[in-house]
Amino acid sequence: QLQFVESGGGLVQSGGSLRLSCTADEITLADYAIGWFRQAPGKEREGVSCITNKGSYTYYTDSVAGRFTISRDTAKNTVYLQMNNLKPEDAAVYYCAAWSVLRQSTCELIQYEYLYWGQGARVTVSS
């Protein structure tokens, strides 16, 4: 089953930083816009950020705008989510996935349109 692998999660103090990575052995990430999602305990999964396949457009949900940065390294077949100034409310399992709508100049975080969900990376933020 094709799926992404997320890494880079961990425990960090409030105000700290983490960088998540998203990669896959058998999927060429450059073919897709990639989205990051998160699910906190007891809450529904929500969209966080996405980046188009060429990296020319990025989107952030309001709660992370200005603190998180999404980027991609085509040579490494990897998409990153740099998370700065983390807050306790950012604690969640973070997932990456590929947008099935191809060759768009923008991206959207419509979950049912995303493919190849990984197992997630857990982020814990202590206050």
Foldseek 3Di string as FASTA:
>chain_A
DFAKDKDFADEEAQQAKIKIKIAGDPDQQLFFKKWKWWDDPPGDIDTAKIAGSVRPEMDGDPVQPPFWDWDDDNVVRMIMIIGGRDDQVVWTFMKMWGAQDGDDPYDDPPPVRTDRIDPTGTHGYHD
